[in-house]
């Protein structure tokens, strides 16, 4: 568990992450994080749930239309 500190950033509030948390998340300054609400609270992650749902839909289409995509690739 990490203790996070809130700080004023212009008219907004920012969160300061310790170096250890950055290392475990494998992120650095400028990367994007996603805060999602869960039944038990909130989850901070580098995983984008919306992108994953789009990729799942794309995989279904690619599987269904495999022959068409092969012909287009020629």
PDB file of N, CA and C in Angstrom:
ATOM      1  N   UNK A   1       0.837  -1.170   0.000  1.00  0.00           N
ATOM      2  CA  UNK A   1       0.000   0.000   0.000  1.00  0.00           C
ATOM      3  C   UNK A   1       0.885   1.236   0.000  1.00  0.00           C
ATOM      4  N   UNK A   2       0.464   2.242  -0.759  1.00  0.00           N
ATOM      5  CA  UNK A   2       1.197   3.498  -0.847  1.00  0.00           C
ATOM      6  C   UNK A   2       0.325   4.635  -0.320  1.00  0.00           C
ATOM      7  N   UNK A   3       0.936   5.574   0.335  1.00  0.00           N
ATOM      8  CA  UNK A   3       0.240   6.783   0.756  1.00  0.00           C
ATOM      9  C   UNK A   3       0.459   7.834  -0.304  1.00  0.00           C
ATOM     10  N   UNK A   4      -0.634   8.412  -0.808  1.00  0.00           N
ATOM     11  CA  UNK A   4      -0.559   9.403  -1.865  1.00  0.00           C
ATOM     12  C   UNK A   4      -0.849  10.789  -1.309  1.00  0.00           C
ATOM     13  N   UNK A   5      -0.162  11.793  -1.837  1.00  0.00           N
ATOM     14  CA  UNK A   5      -0.355  13.159  -1.373  1.00  0.00           C
ATOM     15  C   UNK A   5      -1.029  13.958  -2.483  1.00  0.00           C
ATOM     16  N   UNK A   6      -2.059  14.719  -2.118  1.00  0.00           N
ATOM     17  CA  UNK A   6      -2.739  15.600  -3.063  1.00  0.00           C
ATOM     18  C   UNK A   6      -2.068  16.963  -3.032  1.00  0.00           C
ATOM     19  N   UNK A   7      -1.929  17.567  -4.207  1.00  0.00           N
ATOM     20  CA  UNK A   7      -1.280  18.865  -4.304  1.00  0.00           C
ATOM     21  C   UNK A   7      -2.031  19.750  -5.295  1.00  0.00           C
ATOM     22  N   UNK A   8      -1.956  21.044  -5.100  1.00  0.00           N
ATOM     23  CA  UNK A   8      -2.620  22.003  -5.986  1.00  0.00           C
ATOM     24  C   UNK A   8      -1.819  22.139  -7.272  1.00  0.00           C
ATOM     25  N   UNK A   9      -2.504  22.011  -8.421  1.00  0.00           N
ATOM     26  CA  UNK A   9      -1.891  22.184  -9.738  1.00  0.00           C
ATOM     27  C   UNK A   9      -2.796  23.146 -10.506  1.00  0.00           C
ATOM     28  N   UNK A  10      -2.474  24.434 -10.476  1.00  0.00           N
ATOM     29  CA  UNK A  10      -3.344  25.425 -11.103  1.00  0.00           C
ATOM     30  C   UNK A  10      -4.689  25.444 -10.393  1.00  0.00           C
ATOM     31  N   UNK A  11      -5.775  25.270 -11.161  1.00  0.00           N
ATOM     32  CA  UNK A  11      -7.118  25.223 -10.579  1.00  0.00           C
ATOM     33  C   UNK A  11      -7.550  23.794 -10.258  1.00  0.00           C
ATOM     34  N   UNK A  12      -6.675  22.830 -10.454  1.00  0.00           N
ATOM     35  CA  UNK A  12      -6.989  21.420 -10.232  1.00  0.00           C
ATOM     36  C   UNK A  12      -6.187  20.889  -9.050  1.00  0.00           C
ATOM     37  N   UNK A  13      -6.423  19.613  -8.755  1.00  0.00           N
ATOM     38  CA  UNK A  13      -5.671  18.930  -7.703  1.00  0.00           C
ATOM     39  C   UNK A  13      -4.981  17.738  -8.338  1.00  0.00           C
ATOM     40  N   UNK A  14      -3.698  17.541  -8.030  1.00  0.00           N
ATOM     41  CA  UNK A  14      -2.928  16.427  -8.566  1.00  0.00           C
ATOM     42  C   UNK A  14      -2.528  15.462  -7.464  1.00  0.00           C
ATOM     43  N   UNK A  15      -2.109  14.275  -7.880  1.00  0.00           N
ATOM     44  CA  UNK A  15      -1.666  13.241  -6.946  1.00  0.00           C
ATOM     45  C   UNK A  15      -0.184  12.996  -7.176  1.00  0.00           C
ATOM     46  N   UNK A  16       0.577  12.936  -6.106  1.00  0.00           N
ATOM     47  CA  UNK A  16       2.002  12.638  -6.188  1.00  0.00           C
ATOM     48  C   UNK A  16       2.180  11.145  -5.933  1.00  0.00           C
ATOM     49  N   UNK A  17       2.779  10.440  -6.907  1.00  0.00           N
ATOM     50  CA  UNK A  17       3.026   9.000  -6.772  1.00  0.00           C
ATOM     51  C   UNK A  17       4.486   8.769  -6.380  1.00  0.00           C
ATOM     52  N   UNK A  18       4.738   7.910  -5.404  1.00  0.00           N
ATOM     53  CA  UNK A  18       6.117   7.600  -5.029  1.00  0.00           C
ATOM     54  C   UNK A  18       6.838   6.824  -6.138  1.00  0.00           C
ATOM     55  N   UNK A  19       8.157   6.906  -6.125  1.00  0.00           N
ATOM     56  CA  UNK A  19       8.974   6.219  -7.143  1.00  0.00           C
ATOM     57  C   UNK A  19       8.672   4.730  -7.202  1.00  0.00           C
ATOM     58  N   UNK A  20       8.449   4.117  -6.049  1.00  0.00           N
ATOM     59  CA  UNK A  20       8.176   2.681  -6.004  1.00  0.00           C
ATOM     60  C   UNK A  20       6.880   2.342  -6.741  1.00  0.00           C
ATOM     61  N   UNK A  21       5.855   3.193  -6.593  1.00  0.00           N
ATOM     62  CA  UNK A  21       4.583   2.969  -7.281  1.00  0.00           C
ATOM     63  C   UNK A  21       4.768   3.121  -8.787  1.00  0.00           C
ATOM     64  N   UNK A  22       5.542   4.121  -9.220  1.00  0.00           N
ATOM     65  CA  UNK A  22       5.820   4.309 -10.649  1.00  0.00           C
ATOM     66  C   UNK A  22       6.540   3.096 -11.221  1.00  0.00           C
ATOM     67  N   UNK A  23       7.479   2.559 -10.472  1.00  0.00           N
ATOM     68  CA  UNK A  23       8.229   1.389 -10.933  1.00  0.00           C
ATOM     69  C   UNK A  23       7.317   0.171 -11.068  1.00  0.00           C
ATOM     70  N   UNK A  24       6.433  -0.050 -10.099  1.00  0.00           N
ATOM     71  CA  UNK A  24       5.542  -1.207 -10.154  1.00  0.00           C
ATOM     72  C   UNK A  24       4.523  -1.080 -11.288  1.00  0.00           C
ATOM     73  N   UNK A  25       4.062   0.140 -11.550  1.00  0.00           N
ATOM     74  CA  UNK A  25       3.117   0.357 -12.642  1.00  0.00           C
ATOM     75  C   UNK A  25       3.820   0.420 -14.007  1.00  0.00           C
ATOM     76  N   UNK A  26       5.153   0.512 -13.974  1.00  0.00           N
ATOM     77  CA  UNK A  26       5.971   0.641 -15.195  1.00  0.00           C
ATOM     78  C   UNK A  26       5.540   1.857 -16.006  1.00  0.00           C
ATOM     79  N   UNK A  27       5.450   2.994 -15.312  1.00  0.00           N
ATOM     80  CA  UNK A  27       5.076   4.255 -15.953  1.00  0.00           C
ATOM     81  C   UNK A  27       6.104   5.321 -15.612  1.00  0.00           C
ATOM     82  N   UNK A  28       6.041   6.406 -16.355  1.00  0.00           N
ATOM     83  CA  UNK A  28       6.909   7.548 -16.090  1.00  0.00           C
ATOM     84  C   UNK A  28       6.148   8.817 -16.414  1.00  0.00           C
ATOM     85  N   UNK A  29       6.767   9.933 -16.174  1.00  0.00           N
ATOM     86  CA  UNK A  29       6.144  11.236 -16.397  1.00  0.00           C
ATOM     87  C   UNK A  29       5.601  11.324 -17.822  1.00  0.00           C
ATOM     88  N   UNK A  30       4.345  11.754 -17.957  1.00  0.00           N
ATOM     89  CA  UNK A  30       3.723  11.908 -19.262  1.00  0.00           C
ATOM     90  C   UNK A  30       2.839  10.743 -19.676  1.00  0.00           C
ATOM     91  N   UNK A  31       2.955   9.590 -19.006  1.00  0.00           N
ATOM     92  CA  UNK A  31       2.105   8.432 -19.330  1.00  0.00           C
ATOM     93  C   UNK A  31       0.680   8.674 -18.842  1.00  0.00           C
ATOM     94  N   UNK A  32      -0.257   7.907 -19.371  1.00  0.00           N
ATOM     95  CA  UNK A  32      -1.667   8.038 -19.009  1.00  0.00           C
ATOM     96  C   UNK A  32      -2.086   6.912 -18.078  1.00  0.00           C
ATOM     97  N   UNK A  33      -2.817   7.264 -17.035  1.00  0.00           N
ATOM     98  CA  UNK A  33      -3.387   6.290 -16.109  1.00  0.00           C
ATOM     99  C   UNK A  33      -4.905   6.385 -16.180  1.00  0.00           C
ATOM    100  N   UNK A  34      -5.580   5.304 -15.830  1.00  0.00           N
ATOM    101  CA  UNK A  34      -7.032   5.258 -15.852  1.00  0.00           C
ATOM    102  C   UNK A  34      -7.538   4.940 -14.454  1.00  0.00           C
ATOM    103  N   UNK A  35      -8.473   5.752 -13.972  1.00  0.00           N
ATOM    104  CA  UNK A  35      -9.102   5.553 -12.676  1.00  0.00           C
ATOM    105  C   UNK A  35     -10.501   5.033 -12.942  1.00  0.00           C
ATOM    106  N   UNK A  36     -10.752   3.784 -12.560  1.00  0.00           N
ATOM    107  CA  UNK A  36     -12.059   3.180 -12.799  1.00  0.00           C
ATOM    108  C   UNK A  36     -12.716   2.842 -11.467  1.00  0.00           C
ATOM    109  N   UNK A  37     -14.034   2.998 -11.437  1.00  0.00           N
ATOM    110  CA  UNK A  37     -14.773   2.684 -10.227  1.00  0.00           C
ATOM    111  C   UNK A  37     -15.089   1.196 -10.203  1.00  0.00           C
ATOM    112  N   UNK A  38     -14.861   0.572  -9.073  1.00  0.00           N
ATOM    113  CA  UNK A  38     -15.146  -0.848  -8.886  1.00  0.00           C
ATOM    114  C   UNK A  38     -16.102  -0.987  -7.701  1.00  0.00           C
ATOM    115  N   UNK A  39     -16.704  -2.162  -7.526  1.00  0.00           N
ATOM    116  CA  UNK A  39     -17.599  -2.344  -6.373  1.00  0.00           C
ATOM    117  C   UNK A  39     -16.901  -2.096  -5.032  1.00  0.00           C
ATOM    118  N   UNK A  40     -15.589  -2.343  -4.974  1.00  0.00           N
ATOM    119  CA  UNK A  40     -14.849  -2.159  -3.727  1.00  0.00           C
ATOM    120  C   UNK A  40     -14.201  -0.795  -3.579  1.00  0.00           C
ATOM    121  N   UNK A  41     -14.373   0.099  -4.531  1.00  0.00           N
ATOM    122  CA  UNK A  41     -13.748   1.419  -4.464  1.00  0.00           C
ATOM    123  C   UNK A  41     -13.297   1.873  -5.839  1.00  0.00           C
ATOM    124  N   UNK A  42     -12.043   2.283  -5.943  1.00  0.00           N
ATOM    125  CA  UNK A  42     -11.484   2.739  -7.205  1.00  0.00           C
ATOM    126  C   UNK A  42     -10.234   1.947  -7.543  1.00  0.00           C
ATOM    127  N   UNK A  43      -9.917   1.889  -8.838  1.00  0.00           N
ATOM    128  CA  UNK A  43      -8.737   1.161  -9.308  1.00  0.00           C
ATOM    129  C   UNK A  43      -7.945   2.083 -10.224  1.00  0.00           C
ATOM    130  N   UNK A  44      -6.644   2.224  -9.977  1.00  0.00           N
ATOM    131  CA  UNK A  44      -5.743   3.032 -10.784  1.00  0.00           C
ATOM    132  C   UNK A  44      -4.878   2.083 -11.598  1.00  0.00           C
ATOM    133  N   UNK A  45      -4.932   2.211 -12.925  1.00  0.00           N
ATOM    134  CA  UNK A  45      -4.228   1.262 -13.781  1.00  0.00           C
ATOM    135  C   UNK A  45      -3.807   1.906 -15.092  1.00  0.00           C
ATOM    136  N   UNK A  46      -2.891   1.261 -15.793  1.00  0.00           N
ATOM    137  CA  UNK A  46      -2.485   1.716 -17.123  1.00  0.00           C
ATOM    138  C   UNK A  46      -3.367   1.098 -18.193  1.00  0.00           C
ATOM    139  N   UNK A  47      -4.261   0.208 -17.804  1.00  0.00           N
ATOM    140  CA  UNK A  47      -5.155  -0.536 -18.686  1.00  0.00           C
ATOM    141  C   UNK A  47      -6.378   0.314 -19.036  1.00  0.00           C
ATOM    142  N   UNK A  48      -6.675   0.442 -20.336  1.00  0.00           N
ATOM    143  CA  UNK A  48      -7.830   1.216 -20.804  1.00  0.00           C
ATOM    144  C   UNK A  48      -8.974   0.257 -21.133  1.00  0.00           C
ATOM    145  N   UNK A  49     -10.016   0.162 -20.286  1.00  0.00           N
ATOM    146  CA  UNK A  49     -11.095  -0.787 -20.536  1.00  0.00           C
ATOM    147  C   UNK A  49     -11.855  -0.504 -21.834  1.00  0.00           C
ATOM    148  N   UNK A  50     -11.988   0.751 -22.230  1.00  0.00           N
ATOM    149  CA  UNK A  50     -12.696   1.083 -23.470  1.00  0.00           C
ATOM    150  C   UNK A  50     -11.921   0.574 -24.687  1.00  0.00           C
ATOM    151  N   UNK A  51     -10.595   0.735 -24.670  1.00  0.00           N
ATOM    152  CA  UNK A  51      -9.766   0.252 -25.762  1.00  0.00           C
ATOM    153  C   UNK A  51      -9.865  -1.268 -25.876  1.00  0.00           C
ATOM    154  N   UNK A  52      -9.888  -1.954 -24.739  1.00  0.00           N
ATOM    155  CA  UNK A  52      -9.986  -3.416 -24.750  1.00  0.00           C
ATOM    156  C   UNK A  52     -11.306  -3.869 -25.368  1.00  0.00           C
ATOM    157  N   UNK A  53     -12.398  -3.182 -25.076  1.00  0.00           N
ATOM    158  CA  UNK A  53     -13.682  -3.570 -25.675  1.00  0.00           C
ATOM    159  C   UNK A  53     -13.662  -3.336 -27.187  1.00  0.00           C
ATOM    160  N   UNK A  54     -13.000  -2.277 -27.639  1.00  0.00           N
ATOM    161  CA  UNK A  54     -12.868  -2.023 -29.074  1.00  0.00           C
ATOM    162  C   UNK A  54     -12.022  -3.102 -29.744  1.00  0.00           C
ATOM    163  N   UNK A  55     -10.949  -3.521 -29.088  1.00  0.00           N
ATOM    164  CA  UNK A  55     -10.088  -4.564 -29.640  1.00  0.00           C
ATOM    165  C   UNK A  55     -10.806  -5.910 -29.689  1.00  0.00           C
ATOM    166  N   UNK A  56     -11.633  -6.196 -28.714  1.00  0.00           N
ATOM    167  CA  UNK A  56     -12.412  -7.438 -28.713  1.00  0.00           C
ATOM    168  C   UNK A  56     -13.351  -7.460 -29.913  1.00  0.00           C
ATOM    169  N   UNK A  57     -14.018  -6.345 -30.171  1.00  0.00           N
ATOM    170  CA  UNK A  57     -14.909  -6.250 -31.331  1.00  0.00           C
ATOM    171  C   UNK A  57     -14.119  -6.402 -32.630  1.00  0.00           C
ATOM    172  N   UNK A  58     -12.950  -5.782 -32.708  1.00  0.00           N
ATOM    173  CA  UNK A  58     -12.118  -5.875 -33.908  1.00  0.00           C
ATOM    174  C   UNK A  58     -11.656  -7.316 -34.142  1.00  0.00           C
ATOM    175  N   UNK A  59     -11.280  -8.016 -33.083  1.00  0.00           N
ATOM    176  CA  UNK A  59     -10.845  -9.410 -33.224  1.00  0.00           C
ATOM    177  C   UNK A  59     -11.963 -10.295 -33.759  1.00  0.00           C
ATOM    178  N   UNK A  60     -13.198 -10.062 -33.297  1.00  0.00           N
ATOM    179  CA  UNK A  60     -14.341 -10.834 -33.791  1.00  0.00           C
ATOM    180  C   UNK A  60     -14.544 -10.600 -35.284  1.00  0.00           C
ATOM    181  N   UNK A  61     -14.457  -9.352 -35.705  1.00  0.00           N
ATOM    182  CA  UNK A  61     -14.632  -9.017 -37.123  1.00  0.00           C
ATOM    183  C   UNK A  61     -13.511  -9.628 -37.954  1.00  0.00           C
ATOM    184  N   UNK A  62     -12.273  -9.516 -37.458  1.00  0.00           N
ATOM    185  CA  UNK A  62     -11.136 -10.067 -38.201  1.00  0.00           C
ATOM    186  C   UNK A  62     -11.244 -11.585 -38.336  1.00  0.00           C
ATOM    187  N   UNK A  63     -11.752 -12.242 -37.315  1.00  0.00           N
ATOM    188  CA  UNK A  63     -11.905 -13.697 -37.372  1.00  0.00           C
ATOM    189  C   UNK A  63     -12.991 -14.080 -38.381  1.00  0.00           C
ATOM    190  N   UNK A  64     -14.095 -13.334 -38.356  1.00  0.00           N
ATOM    191  CA  UNK A  64     -15.216 -13.619 -39.244  1.00  0.00           C
ATOM    192  C   UNK A  64     -14.882 -13.299 -40.707  1.00  0.00           C
ATOM    193  N   UNK A  65     -14.118 -12.258 -40.921  1.00  0.00           N
ATOM    194  CA  UNK A  65     -13.817 -11.777 -42.278  1.00  0.00           C
ATOM    195  C   UNK A  65     -12.361 -12.042 -42.679  1.00  0.00           C
ATOM    196  N   UNK A  66     -11.802 -13.130 -42.188  1.00  0.00           N
ATOM    197  CA  UNK A  66     -10.400 -13.466 -42.442  1.00  0.00           C
ATOM    198  C   UNK A  66     -10.058 -13.515 -43.938  1.00  0.00           C
ATOM    199  N   UNK A  67     -10.905 -14.171 -44.754  1.00  0.00           N
ATOM    200  CA  UNK A  67     -10.634 -14.300 -46.185  1.00  0.00           C
ATOM    201  C   UNK A  67     -10.650 -12.948 -46.880  1.00  0.00           C
ATOM    202  N   UNK A  68     -11.572 -12.094 -46.529  1.00  0.00           N
ATOM    203  CA  UNK A  68     -11.641 -10.761 -47.129  1.00  0.00           C
ATOM    204  C   UNK A  68     -10.386  -9.974 -46.800  1.00  0.00           C
ATOM    205  N   UNK A  69      -9.939 -10.048 -45.552  1.00  0.00           N
ATOM    206  CA  UNK A  69      -8.737  -9.320 -45.146  1.00  0.00           C
ATOM    207  C   UNK A  69      -7.501  -9.862 -45.858  1.00  0.00           C
ATOM    208  N   UNK A  70      -7.427 -11.160 -46.068  1.00  0.00           N
ATOM    209  CA  UNK A  70      -6.296 -11.730 -46.823  1.00  0.00           C
ATOM    210  C   UNK A  70      -6.247 -11.199 -48.253  1.00  0.00           C
ATOM    211  N   UNK A  71      -7.417 -11.132 -48.891  1.00  0.00           N
ATOM    212  CA  UNK A  71      -7.473 -10.615 -50.264  1.00  0.00           C
ATOM    213  C   UNK A  71      -7.099  -9.146 -50.321  1.00  0.00           C
ATOM    214  N   UNK A  72      -7.535  -8.375 -49.351  1.00  0.00           N
ATOM    215  CA  UNK A  72      -7.193  -6.948 -49.310  1.00  0.00           C
ATOM    216  C   UNK A  72      -5.703  -6.731 -49.065  1.00  0.00           C
ATOM    217  N   UNK A  73      -5.063  -7.647 -48.375  1.00  0.00           N
ATOM    218  CA  UNK A  73      -3.648  -7.506 -48.039  1.00  0.00           C
ATOM    219  C   UNK A  73      -2.730  -7.768 -49.242  1.00  0.00           C
ATOM    220  N   UNK A  74      -3.291  -8.367 -50.309  1.00  0.00           N
ATOM    221  CA  UNK A  74      -2.452  -8.696 -51.486  1.00  0.00           C
ATOM    222  C   UNK A  74      -2.121  -7.465 -52.273  1.00  0.00           C
TER     223      UNK A  74
END
